[in-house]
C-alpha atoms as a PDB file:
ATOM      1  CA  MET A   1       0.000   0.000   0.000  1.00  0.00           C
ATOM      2  CA  SER A   2       1.110   3.550  -0.625  1.00  0.00           C
ATOM      3  CA  GLU A   3       2.628   5.513   2.251  1.00  0.00           C
ATOM      4  CA  ARG A   4      -0.366   7.822   2.287  1.00  0.00           C
ATOM      5  CA  TYR A   5      -2.538   4.859   3.287  1.00  0.00           C
ATOM      6  CA  ASP A   6      -0.212   3.385   5.915  1.00  0.00           C
ATOM      7  CA  ASN A   7      -2.510   4.619   8.697  1.00  0.00           C
ATOM      8  CA  LEU A   8      -5.343   2.307   7.556  1.00  0.00           C
ATOM      9  CA  THR A   9      -5.757  -0.813   9.677  1.00  0.00           C
ATOM     10  CA  LEU A  10      -8.906  -2.427   8.228  1.00  0.00           C
ATOM     11  CA  LEU A  11      -8.489  -2.208   4.462  1.00  0.00           C
ATOM     12  CA  GLY A  12      -7.017  -5.396   3.021  1.00  0.00           C
ATOM     13  CA  GLN A  13      -7.409  -7.253   6.321  1.00  0.00           C
ATOM     14  CA  HIS A  14      -9.849  -9.955   7.413  1.00  0.00           C
ATOM     15  CA  VAL A  15     -11.778  -8.379  10.281  1.00  0.00           C
ATOM     16  CA  GLY A  16     -15.077  -9.188  11.926  1.00  0.00           C
ATOM     17  CA  VAL A  17     -18.009  -6.916  12.636  1.00  0.00           C
ATOM     18  CA  PRO A  18     -17.352  -4.768  15.721  1.00  0.00           C
ATOM     19  CA  ALA A  19     -19.351  -5.681  18.833  1.00  0.00           C
ATOM     20  CA  SER A  20     -20.885  -2.196  19.107  1.00  0.00           C
ATOM     21  CA  PRO A  21     -20.859   1.197  17.369  1.00  0.00           C
ATOM     22  CA  GLU A  22     -18.648   2.515  20.178  1.00  0.00           C
ATOM     23  CA  ALA A  23     -16.092  -0.241  19.507  1.00  0.00           C
ATOM     24  CA  ALA A  24     -16.117   0.307  15.743  1.00  0.00           C
ATOM     25  CA  LEU A  25     -13.125   2.004  14.165  1.00  0.00           C
ATOM     26  CA  LEU A  26     -13.952   4.557  11.492  1.00  0.00           C
ATOM     27  CA  GLU A  27     -10.976   5.431   9.323  1.00  0.00           C
ATOM     28  CA  ARG A  28     -10.325   8.335   6.996  1.00  0.00           C
ATOM     29  CA  VAL A  29      -7.928   9.196   4.221  1.00  0.00           C
ATOM     30  CA  ALA A  30      -6.893  12.497   2.726  1.00  0.00           C
ATOM     31  CA  ASN A  31      -9.320  13.871   0.165  1.00  0.00           C
ATOM     32  CA  PRO A  32      -7.810  12.998  -3.234  1.00  0.00           C
ATOM     33  CA  ASN A  33      -9.479  16.096  -4.736  1.00  0.00           C
ATOM     34  CA  PRO A  34      -8.696  18.944  -2.328  1.00  0.00           C
ATOM     35  CA  GLY A  35     -10.258  22.239  -3.270  1.00  0.00           C
ATOM     36  CA  VAL A  36     -12.890  20.583  -5.488  1.00  0.00           C
ATOM     37  CA  ALA A  37     -16.489  20.713  -4.279  1.00  0.00           C
ATOM     38  CA  TYR A  38     -18.109  17.362  -5.035  1.00  0.00           C
ATOM     39  CA  LEU A  39     -20.662  15.055  -3.430  1.00  0.00           C
ATOM     40  CA  VAL A  40     -19.991  11.577  -2.059  1.00  0.00           C
ATOM     41  CA  ARG A  41     -22.983   9.289  -1.474  1.00  0.00           C
ATOM     42  CA  PHE A  42     -23.150   6.057   0.510  1.00  0.00           C
ATOM     43  CA  THR A  43     -26.343   4.016   0.416  1.00  0.00           C
ATOM     44  CA  CYS A  44     -27.020   1.284   2.958  1.00  0.00           C
ATOM     45  CA  PRO A  45     -30.361  -0.306   1.952  1.00  0.00           C
ATOM     46  CA  GLU A  46     -30.173  -3.080   4.566  1.00  0.00           C
ATOM     47  CA  PHE A  47     -29.258  -1.271   7.787  1.00  0.00           C
ATOM     48  CA  THR A  48     -30.268  -3.183  10.917  1.00  0.00           C
ATOM     49  CA  SER A  49     -30.417  -2.307  14.600  1.00  0.00           C
ATOM     50  CA  LEU A  50     -32.444  -3.505  17.578  1.00  0.00           C
ATOM     51  CA  CYS A  51     -35.407  -1.977  19.358  1.00  0.00           C
ATOM     52  CA  PRO A  52     -34.081  -0.994  22.802  1.00  0.00           C
ATOM     53  CA  MET A  53     -37.339  -2.074  24.456  1.00  0.00           C
ATOM     54  CA  THR A  54     -38.199  -5.378  22.774  1.00  0.00           C
ATOM     55  CA  GLY A  55     -34.899  -6.487  21.249  1.00  0.00           C
ATOM     56  CA  GLN A  56     -36.686  -7.029  17.935  1.00  0.00           C
ATOM     57  CA  PRO A  57     -34.804  -6.071  14.755  1.00  0.00           C
ATOM     58  CA  ASP A  58     -35.444  -2.756  13.038  1.00  0.00           C
ATOM     59  CA  PHE A  59     -34.550  -2.150   9.407  1.00  0.00           C
ATOM     60  CA  ALA A  60     -33.744   1.023   7.498  1.00  0.00           C
ATOM     61  CA  HIS A  61     -32.525   2.312   4.171  1.00  0.00           C
ATOM     62  CA  ILE A  62     -29.856   4.886   5.002  1.00  0.00           C
ATOM     63  CA  VAL A  63     -28.415   7.419   2.561  1.00  0.00           C
ATOM     64  CA  ILE A  64     -25.379   9.480   3.561  1.00  0.00           C
ATOM     65  CA  ASP A  65     -24.391  12.432   1.378  1.00  0.00           C
ATOM     66  CA  TYR A  66     -21.371  14.580   2.116  1.00  0.00           C
ATOM     67  CA  VAL A  67     -19.124  17.168   0.521  1.00  0.00           C
ATOM     68  CA  PRO A  68     -15.560  16.409   1.647  1.00  0.00           C
ATOM     69  CA  ASP A  69     -13.143  18.999   2.873  1.00  0.00           C
ATOM     70  CA  GLY A  70      -9.789  17.545   3.939  1.00  0.00           C
ATOM     71  CA  TRP A  71     -10.903  13.942   4.478  1.00  0.00           C
ATOM     72  CA  ILE A  72     -12.989  11.134   3.012  1.00  0.00           C
ATOM     73  CA  VAL A  73     -14.212   8.116   4.952  1.00  0.00           C
ATOM     74  CA  GLU A  74     -12.620   4.771   4.135  1.00  0.00           C
ATOM     75  CA  SER A  75     -15.577   2.723   2.879  1.00  0.00           C
ATOM     76  CA  LYS A  76     -14.735  -0.639   4.491  1.00  0.00           C
ATOM     77  CA  SER A  77     -14.564   0.998   7.908  1.00  0.00           C
ATOM     78  CA  LEU A  78     -17.931   2.660   7.239  1.00  0.00           C
ATOM     79  CA  LYS A  79     -19.491  -0.675   6.250  1.00  0.00           C
ATOM     80  CA  LEU A  80     -18.197  -2.299   9.443  1.00  0.00           C
ATOM     81  CA  TYR A  81     -19.364   0.662  11.535  1.00  0.00           C
ATOM     82  CA  LEU A  82     -22.880   0.460  10.099  1.00  0.00           C
ATOM     83  CA  ALA A  83     -22.930  -3.329  10.573  1.00  0.00           C
ATOM     84  CA  SER A  84     -21.993  -2.851  14.248  1.00  0.00           C
ATOM     85  CA  PHE A  85     -25.524  -1.559  14.896  1.00  0.00           C
ATOM     86  CA  ARG A  86     -26.980  -5.048  14.256  1.00  0.00           C
ATOM     87  CA  ASN A  87     -26.731  -5.938  17.946  1.00  0.00           C
ATOM     88  CA  HIS A  88     -27.173  -2.387  19.226  1.00  0.00           C
ATOM     89  CA  GLY A  89     -30.400  -1.351  20.911  1.00  0.00           C
ATOM     90  CA  ALA A  90     -31.444   2.240  20.210  1.00  0.00           C
ATOM     91  CA  PHE A  91     -34.414   4.170  18.919  1.00  0.00           C
ATOM     92  CA  HIS A  92     -34.426   5.138  15.237  1.00  0.00           C
ATOM     93  CA  GLU A  93     -33.683   8.759  15.999  1.00  0.00           C
ATOM     94  CA  ALA A  94     -30.669   7.875  18.156  1.00  0.00           C
ATOM     95  CA  CYS A  95     -29.143   5.515  15.567  1.00  0.00           C
ATOM     96  CA  SER A  96     -29.607   7.993  12.735  1.00  0.00           C
ATOM     97  CA  VAL A  97     -28.192  11.093  14.416  1.00  0.00           C
ATOM     98  CA  THR A  98     -25.361   9.108  16.054  1.00  0.00           C
ATOM     99  CA  ILE A  99     -24.150   7.950  12.636  1.00  0.00           C
ATOM    100  CA  ALA A 100     -24.262  11.459  11.171  1.00  0.00           C
ATOM    101  CA  ARG A 101     -22.506  13.097  14.120  1.00  0.00           C
ATOM    102  CA  ARG A 102     -19.767  10.471  14.237  1.00  0.00           C
ATOM    103  CA  LEU A 103     -19.013  11.078  10.565  1.00  0.00           C
ATOM    104  CA  VAL A 104     -18.965  14.841  11.076  1.00  0.00           C
ATOM    105  CA  ASP A 105     -16.596  14.447  14.034  1.00  0.00           C
ATOM    106  CA  LEU A 106     -14.283  12.232  11.965  1.00  0.00           C
ATOM    107  CA  LEU A 107     -14.319  14.073   8.657  1.00  0.00           C
ATOM    108  CA  ALA A 108     -15.202  17.726   9.368  1.00  0.00           C
ATOM    109  CA  PRO A 109     -16.864  17.806   5.932  1.00  0.00           C
ATOM    110  CA  SER A 110     -17.989  20.955   4.177  1.00  0.00           C
ATOM    111  CA  TRP A 111     -21.513  19.516   4.403  1.00  0.00           C
ATOM    112  CA  LEU A 112     -23.204  16.274   5.417  1.00  0.00           C
ATOM    113  CA  ARG A 113     -26.790  15.026   5.167  1.00  0.00           C
ATOM    114  CA  LEU A 114     -28.220  11.731   6.376  1.00  0.00           C
ATOM    115  CA  GLY A 115     -31.614  10.347   5.417  1.00  0.00           C
ATOM    116  CA  ALA A 116     -32.721   7.309   7.414  1.00  0.00           C
ATOM    117  CA  TYR A 117     -35.840   5.706   5.976  1.00  0.00           C
ATOM    118  CA  TRP A 118     -36.995   3.210   8.605  1.00  0.00           C
ATOM    119  CA  TYR A 119     -39.352   0.416   7.703  1.00  0.00           C
ATOM    120  CA  PRO A 120     -42.639   0.321   9.642  1.00  0.00           C
ATOM    121  CA  ARG A 121     -42.712  -0.578  13.295  1.00  0.00           C
ATOM    122  CA  GLY A 122     -46.224  -0.912  14.657  1.00  0.00           C
ATOM    123  CA  GLY A 123     -47.585  -0.071  11.209  1.00  0.00           C
ATOM    124  CA  MET A 124     -45.852   3.324  11.023  1.00  0.00           C
ATOM    125  CA  PRO A 125     -42.577   4.113   9.256  1.00  0.00           C
ATOM    126  CA  ILE A 126     -40.269   6.625  10.935  1.00  0.00           C
ATOM    127  CA  ASP A 127     -37.968   8.675   8.734  1.00  0.00           C
ATOM    128  CA  VAL A 128     -35.135  10.674  10.292  1.00  0.00           C
ATOM    129  CA  PHE A 129     -33.272  13.449   8.464  1.00  0.00           C
ATOM    130  CA  TRP A 130     -30.245  15.395   9.687  1.00  0.00           C
ATOM    131  CA  GLN A 131     -27.781  17.745   8.053  1.00  0.00           C
ATOM    132  CA  THR A 132     -25.050  20.129   9.078  1.00  0.00           C
ATOM    133  CA  GLY A 133     -26.574  23.207   7.397  1.00  0.00           C
ATOM    134  CA  ALA A 134     -27.239  24.570   3.954  1.00  0.00           C
ATOM    135  CA  ALA A 135     -25.646  22.717   1.054  1.00  0.00           C
ATOM    136  CA  PRO A 136     -22.599  24.431  -0.451  1.00  0.00           C
ATOM    137  CA  PRO A 137     -23.329  26.483  -3.563  1.00  0.00           C
ATOM    138  CA  GLY A 138     -22.365  24.952  -6.873  1.00  0.00           C
ATOM    139  CA  VAL A 139     -22.487  21.311  -5.764  1.00  0.00           C
ATOM    140  CA  TRP A 140     -25.054  19.064  -7.400  1.00  0.00           C
ATOM    141  CA  ILE A 141     -27.034  17.445  -4.588  1.00  0.00           C
ATOM    142  CA  PRO A 142     -29.485  14.935  -6.111  1.00  0.00           C
ATOM    143  CA  ASP A 143     -32.614  13.742  -4.377  1.00  0.00           C
ATOM    144  CA  GLN A 144     -31.913  10.713  -2.211  1.00  0.00           C
ATOM    145  CA  GLY A 145     -34.232   8.652  -4.403  1.00  0.00           C
ATOM    146  CA  VAL A 146     -36.046   6.799  -1.640  1.00  0.00           C
ATOM    147  CA  PRO A 147     -39.796   6.869  -2.239  1.00  0.00           C
ATOM    148  CA  PRO A 148     -42.126   7.465   0.689  1.00  0.00           C
ATOM    149  CA  TYR A 149     -43.495   4.303   2.241  1.00  0.00           C
ATOM    150  CA  ARG A 150     -46.795   3.248   0.662  1.00  0.00           C
ATOM    151  CA  GLY A 151     -47.562  -0.173   2.091  1.00  0.00           C
ATOM    152  CA  ARG A 152     -50.367  -1.834   0.179  1.00  0.00           C
ATOM    153  CA  GLY A 153     -52.317   1.377  -0.390  1.00  0.00           C
END
């Protein structure tokens, strides 16, 4: 691996899913396009966590959009971080905002938006949206492309 990636510990290694989000290691690398305003999108259509009250699984389609500044997230570490929620009990709102804030703390992006489209619990879907502020001018920010939940109606 190149010297500029020597700080990465997960990429290229066989590692298991972290036991919890707190134990998960998120890694970053220098933005390969410094000074260029562009959007990065990660889509996790099979996000899973646990209801903190019943222990039953909850499922969501999560879309993370961000405009990098000095750093980008290393994607394998992000996948493992998101997978670490599978045995984590928290309400939808807590999971969603925790993910967004952890990424902001790690990356200090120019802008970040998270859309968490939770599948129905008790017959009612819960969608959670969070962003750091207004999108930077001049950056194409497409719609997240997740249709509202319709059920059988």
